[in-house]
Amino acid sequence: MTLSPSPATPPRLSPPAPAGTPRPRPSEVLSAGLDRDRRTRELVEQLIAEPSRLGPDFTPIRRIGAGAPSALPLVGWKATGRGDAGSSLATTLQLLHEAASLGLVERLDWAFRCHAFDVALDSGMVGELHITPEPETFGTACPPRLAVSWLRGRRALDICAELHEDAFDDRERLLAAADEMAAWGWHLVVADVSGTPAQSAAELLMPRLRPAYVQVDLSRLRRDDAASRRLLDAGREAGATVLAVGVTTQADLEAADALGALHVRGPLVGHASSRPV
């Protein structure tokens, strides 16, 4: 799905049962779990059927330069999805986790992707549209009901596809998907793999992928400066531009500039909005 992982939240723990409380029978636990899965499946299916409920949220991407951060030249937008506010699927990670457990990521991703295309085009969006195709959709066909939106977006939008850590789990599938996206005229973004198990594979495949961008999360950079710089060097050698995300302060903007980033994304340069305008 064209979603960006949000920071993980710790699981909520239930308070201990009072002493003497009867333990539930295994059959009751199983029944409760099945009921929860049924209700969650219904929620996800509703989002797939009504993708306008998935957002999207569009966050601006800007080019580093002189002037106020929020007035820097606009490069494009990152489209991010989420579930209904206040629901158990409200955050990106919750939604993706539940969809994966139910085998619904492929359908969810296609529904969101095509809806994001429609919103971008109907808004008269200017610049690039950055999305995150989930690996489950690599090599799959667009559902017939979404074909018009899919073809419309493919032809009219300048799309950049983010490849995150999980995209590198299956190298052959990734390369096949990269070739397919290149045939569509899409640009690739090696995104936020610094300091992860995927970094070595990303560095090795950089000349083959020829990404337009290497994206680095500044919060991750602070934890693993050397690994991030090595990844950025590999990306630049392959012709990629550095995109720094997580820019929340002026100090972050200066750090991005010191890294050689040309483009940035984060609250300092623009907050998410429902339309890319």
Protein backbone atom coordinates (compact mmCIF):
# COMPACT_ATOMS: atom_id res chain seq x y z
CA MET A 1 0.00 0.00 0.00
CA THR A 2 1.20 3.50 -0.61
CA LEU A 3 1.83 4.02 3.04
CA SER A 4 4.75 5.27 5.06
CA PRO A 5 5.55 3.43 8.28
CA SER A 6 5.01 5.55 11.35
CA PRO A 7 7.03 5.19 14.55
CA ALA A 8 6.03 2.02 16.32
CA THR A 9 3.97 2.37 19.46
CA PRO A 10 4.39 0.00 22.40
CA PRO A 11 1.61 -2.57 22.75
CA ARG A 12 -1.11 -1.76 25.23
CA LEU A 13 -1.12 -4.21 28.09
CA SER A 14 -4.33 -5.23 29.79
CA PRO A 15 -4.44 -4.76 33.60
CA PRO A 16 -4.00 -7.97 35.58
CA ALA A 17 -7.21 -9.75 36.46
CA PRO A 18 -8.25 -9.57 40.11
CA ALA A 19 -7.29 -12.54 42.24
CA GLY A 20 -9.81 -15.33 42.02
CA THR A 21 -11.04 -14.38 38.56
CA PRO A 22 -11.75 -17.54 36.53
CA ARG A 23 -9.45 -18.02 33.56
CA PRO A 24 -11.27 -18.10 30.20
CA ARG A 25 -11.62 -21.48 28.57
CA PRO A 26 -9.51 -22.17 25.45
CA SER A 27 -12.71 -22.31 23.39
CA GLU A 28 -13.69 -18.86 24.66
CA VAL A 29 -10.27 -17.44 23.78
CA LEU A 30 -10.48 -18.96 20.29
CA SER A 31 -14.00 -17.61 19.80
CA ALA A 32 -12.96 -14.12 20.88
CA GLY A 33 -9.98 -14.20 18.52
CA LEU A 34 -12.11 -15.32 15.59
CA ASP A 35 -14.66 -12.61 16.33
CA ARG A 36 -11.93 -9.98 16.43
CA ASP A 37 -10.51 -11.21 13.10
CA ARG A 38 -13.98 -11.07 11.56
CA ARG A 39 -14.56 -7.49 12.71
CA THR A 40 -11.09 -6.41 11.59
CA ARG A 41 -11.59 -8.01 8.18
CA GLU A 42 -14.88 -6.14 7.81
CA LEU A 43 -13.14 -2.84 8.62
CA VAL A 44 -10.33 -3.43 6.12
CA GLU A 45 -12.78 -4.58 3.44
CA GLN A 46 -14.76 -1.36 3.98
CA LEU A 47 -11.61 0.71 3.47
CA ILE A 48 -10.84 -1.18 0.27
CA ALA A 49 -14.37 -0.59 -0.99
CA GLU A 50 -14.27 3.10 0.02
CA PRO A 51 -10.64 4.18 -0.45
CA SER A 52 -11.49 7.83 0.22
CA ARG A 53 -11.47 6.79 3.89
CA LEU A 54 -7.76 5.94 3.56
CA GLY A 55 -6.81 9.58 3.09
CA PRO A 56 -4.47 10.31 1.51
CA ASP A 57 -2.35 12.80 3.39
CA PHE A 58 -0.01 14.73 1.11
CA THR A 59 3.25 16.08 2.54
CA PRO A 60 5.30 18.55 0.49
CA ILE A 61 8.86 17.86 -0.64
CA ARG A 62 10.98 20.98 -1.13
CA ARG A 63 14.34 21.92 -2.57
CA ILE A 64 16.91 23.33 -0.17
CA GLY A 65 17.68 26.97 -0.86
CA ALA A 66 17.47 30.48 0.50
CA GLY A 67 14.37 31.80 2.22
CA ALA A 68 11.83 30.61 4.78
CA PRO A 69 11.67 26.79 5.03
CA SER A 70 7.94 26.66 4.22
CA ALA A 71 8.53 28.80 1.12
CA LEU A 72 11.34 26.73 -0.40
CA PRO A 73 10.73 25.63 -4.01
CA LEU A 74 8.22 22.78 -4.25
CA VAL A 75 9.48 19.53 -5.78
CA GLY A 76 6.51 17.26 -5.17
CA TRP A 77 4.39 15.44 -2.61
CA LYS A 78 4.47 12.24 -0.58
CA ALA A 79 1.10 10.47 -0.38
CA THR A 80 0.49 8.59 2.87
CA GLY A 81 -2.49 6.46 3.84
CA ARG A 82 -4.13 5.55 7.13
CA GLY A 83 -7.33 4.10 8.55
CA ASP A 84 -10.33 5.79 10.13
CA ALA A 85 -9.41 8.16 12.96
CA GLY A 86 -10.18 6.66 16.35
CA SER A 87 -10.40 3.12 15.01
CA SER A 88 -8.07 0.19 15.64
CA LEU A 89 -6.66 0.85 12.16
CA ALA A 90 -6.00 4.56 12.62
CA THR A 91 -2.24 4.50 12.12
CA THR A 92 -0.27 3.32 9.13
CA LEU A 93 1.47 0.53 11.04
CA GLN A 94 -1.75 -0.76 12.60
CA LEU A 95 -3.48 -0.83 9.23
CA LEU A 96 -0.63 -2.58 7.45
CA HIS A 97 -0.17 -5.10 10.26
CA GLU A 98 -3.83 -6.10 10.27
CA ALA A 99 -4.08 -6.18 6.49
CA ALA A 100 -1.00 -8.40 6.31
CA SER A 101 -2.39 -10.81 8.91
CA LEU A 102 -5.56 -11.13 6.81
CA GLY A 103 -3.80 -11.36 3.43
CA LEU A 104 -5.35 -8.09 2.23
CA VAL A 105 -2.28 -5.89 1.63
CA GLU A 106 -2.34 -6.30 -2.17
CA ARG A 107 -5.98 -5.21 -2.50
CA LEU A 108 -5.52 -2.41 0.01
CA ASP A 109 -2.44 -1.07 -1.76
CA TRP A 110 -4.11 -1.01 -5.16
CA ALA A 111 -7.19 0.74 -3.78
CA PHE A 112 -5.15 3.43 -2.06
CA ARG A 113 -2.71 3.92 -4.91
CA CYS A 114 -5.43 4.53 -7.49
CA HIS A 115 -7.36 6.81 -5.15
CA ALA A 116 -4.20 8.85 -4.53
CA PHE A 117 -3.78 9.19 -8.30
CA ASP A 118 -7.34 10.50 -8.64
CA VAL A 119 -6.96 13.02 -5.81
CA ALA A 120 -3.63 14.25 -7.16
CA LEU A 121 -4.97 14.75 -10.67
CA ASP A 122 -8.28 16.26 -9.58
CA SER A 123 -6.36 18.73 -7.40
CA GLY A 124 -4.15 19.86 -10.28
CA MET A 125 -1.07 18.66 -8.40
CA VAL A 126 2.25 20.07 -9.54
CA GLY A 127 5.51 18.12 -9.22
CA GLU A 128 6.36 14.54 -8.36
CA LEU A 129 4.11 12.12 -6.51
CA HIS A 130 6.00 9.84 -4.11
CA ILE A 131 4.28 6.61 -3.12
CA THR A 132 5.33 3.36 -1.44
CA PRO A 133 4.24 0.26 -3.39
CA GLU A 134 4.08 -2.64 -0.96
CA PRO A 135 6.14 -5.70 -1.98
CA GLU A 136 2.93 -7.78 -1.99
CA THR A 137 1.83 -5.86 -5.09
CA PHE A 138 5.06 -6.37 -7.06
CA GLY A 139 4.17 -8.09 -10.32
CA THR A 140 0.40 -8.09 -9.65
CA ALA A 141 -2.28 -6.73 -11.97
CA CYS A 142 -4.48 -3.76 -11.22
CA PRO A 143 -8.04 -4.84 -10.29
CA PRO A 144 -10.40 -4.16 -13.21
CA ARG A 145 -12.59 -1.77 -11.22
CA LEU A 146 -9.59 0.52 -10.70
CA ALA A 147 -8.23 0.34 -14.25
CA VAL A 148 -9.35 3.82 -15.33
CA SER A 149 -7.72 5.51 -12.34
CA TRP A 150 -4.60 3.40 -12.76
CA LEU A 151 -4.09 4.21 -16.44
CA ARG A 152 -4.97 7.86 -15.90
CA GLY A 153 -2.38 8.22 -13.14
CA ARG A 154 0.33 6.27 -14.93
CA ARG A 155 0.06 8.47 -17.99
CA ALA A 156 -0.29 11.87 -16.35
CA LEU A 157 1.73 11.79 -13.10
CA ASP A 158 5.46 11.96 -12.46
CA ILE A 159 5.68 9.09 -9.97
CA CYS A 160 8.52 8.15 -7.63
CA ALA A 161 8.23 4.72 -5.99
CA GLU A 162 9.83 4.27 -2.57
CA LEU A 163 11.57 0.97 -1.87
CA HIS A 164 11.79 0.39 1.87
CA GLU A 165 13.57 -2.30 3.86
CA ASP A 166 11.02 -5.05 3.20
CA ALA A 167 11.26 -4.52 -0.56
CA PHE A 168 14.79 -6.01 -0.46
CA ASP A 169 13.72 -9.31 1.12
CA ASP A 170 13.24 -10.96 -2.28
CA ARG A 171 15.93 -9.69 -4.64
CA GLU A 172 14.61 -11.30 -7.82
CA ARG A 173 11.11 -10.02 -7.22
CA LEU A 174 12.45 -6.55 -6.46
CA LEU A 175 14.49 -6.37 -9.66
CA ALA A 176 11.55 -7.57 -11.74
CA ALA A 177 9.35 -4.93 -10.12
CA ALA A 178 12.00 -2.25 -10.68
CA ASP A 179 12.15 -3.13 -14.37
CA GLU A 180 8.37 -2.97 -14.61
CA MET A 181 8.19 0.41 -12.87
CA ALA A 182 10.97 1.75 -15.10
CA ALA A 183 8.93 0.66 -18.14
CA TRP A 184 6.05 2.72 -16.76
CA GLY A 185 8.33 5.74 -16.57
CA TRP A 186 8.47 5.74 -12.77
CA HIS A 187 11.51 6.80 -10.77
CA LEU A 188 12.84 4.75 -7.85
CA VAL A 189 13.64 5.89 -4.32
CA VAL A 190 15.81 3.74 -2.05
CA ALA A 191 14.16 4.77 1.20
CA ASP A 192 15.24 4.62 4.83
CA VAL A 193 17.36 1.46 4.66
CA SER A 194 20.37 2.94 6.43
CA GLY A 195 21.40 0.85 9.40
CA THR A 196 18.94 -1.94 8.52
CA PRO A 197 19.61 -5.49 7.32
CA ALA A 198 18.66 -4.29 3.83
CA GLN A 199 21.46 -1.74 3.57
CA SER A 200 24.09 -4.11 2.15
CA ALA A 201 21.69 -5.34 -0.52
CA ALA A 202 20.67 -1.78 -1.35
CA GLU A 203 24.29 -0.69 -1.78
CA LEU A 204 25.04 -3.73 -3.95
CA LEU A 205 21.98 -3.18 -6.15
CA MET A 206 22.31 0.59 -6.44
CA PRO A 207 23.96 0.51 -9.92
CA ARG A 208 21.25 -1.90 -11.12
CA LEU A 209 18.34 0.05 -9.65
CA ARG A 210 19.67 3.47 -10.67
CA PRO A 211 17.39 5.29 -8.23
CA ALA A 212 16.45 8.92 -8.70
CA TYR A 213 16.70 9.40 -4.95
CA VAL A 214 18.27 7.92 -1.88
CA GLN A 215 16.11 8.88 1.07
CA VAL A 216 17.57 9.15 4.55
CA ASP A 217 15.65 9.62 7.77
CA LEU A 218 17.51 12.15 9.88
CA SER A 219 16.48 10.44 13.12
CA ARG A 220 18.14 7.23 11.88
CA LEU A 221 21.20 9.17 10.75
CA ARG A 222 21.83 10.33 14.29
CA ARG A 223 21.99 6.70 15.40
CA ASP A 224 24.21 5.39 12.63
CA ASP A 225 26.04 8.24 10.95
CA ALA A 226 28.72 6.14 9.21
CA ALA A 227 26.24 3.67 7.70
CA SER A 228 24.05 6.48 6.40
CA ARG A 229 26.95 8.25 4.76
CA ARG A 230 28.11 5.02 3.11
CA LEU A 231 24.62 4.48 1.69
CA LEU A 232 24.41 8.05 0.43
CA ASP A 233 27.79 7.75 -1.24
CA ALA A 234 26.65 4.60 -3.04
CA GLY A 235 23.50 6.36 -4.16
CA ARG A 236 25.33 9.39 -5.46
CA GLU A 237 27.71 7.17 -7.42
CA ALA A 238 24.63 5.68 -9.10
CA GLY A 239 23.35 9.16 -9.96
CA ALA A 240 20.81 9.56 -7.17
CA THR A 241 19.84 12.79 -5.44
CA VAL A 242 19.73 12.75 -1.64
CA LEU A 243 16.32 13.36 -0.05
CA ALA A 244 16.31 13.94 3.71
CA VAL A 245 13.10 13.36 5.66
CA GLY A 246 12.18 14.05 9.26
CA VAL A 247 13.16 17.71 8.99
CA THR A 248 11.52 19.25 12.04
CA THR A 249 13.94 22.00 13.08
CA GLN A 250 16.33 24.47 11.52
CA ALA A 251 19.15 22.31 12.83
CA ASP A 252 17.70 19.37 10.88
CA LEU A 253 17.64 21.47 7.74
CA GLU A 254 21.27 22.43 8.26
CA ALA A 255 22.18 18.77 8.88
CA ALA A 256 20.45 17.77 5.64
CA ASP A 257 22.36 20.45 3.77
CA ALA A 258 25.64 19.25 5.31
CA LEU A 259 24.87 15.72 4.06
CA GLY A 260 24.53 17.02 0.54
CA ALA A 261 20.75 16.61 0.43
CA LEU A 262 19.08 18.70 -2.24
CA HIS A 263 15.50 17.89 -1.28
CA VAL A 264 13.82 17.67 2.13
CA ARG A 265 10.52 16.65 3.71
CA GLY A 266 9.21 17.23 7.21
CA PRO A 267 7.12 19.54 9.43
CA LEU A 268 9.58 22.41 9.13
CA VAL A 269 9.02 22.69 5.37
CA GLY A 270 5.35 21.73 5.28
CA HIS A 271 2.68 19.75 7.10
CA ALA A 272 0.44 17.09 5.59
CA SER A 273 -2.82 18.15 3.98
CA SER A 274 -5.72 16.35 2.34
CA ARG A 275 -4.93 17.82 -1.08
CA PRO A 276 -1.58 18.56 -2.76
CA VAL A 277 -2.06 22.27 -3.24
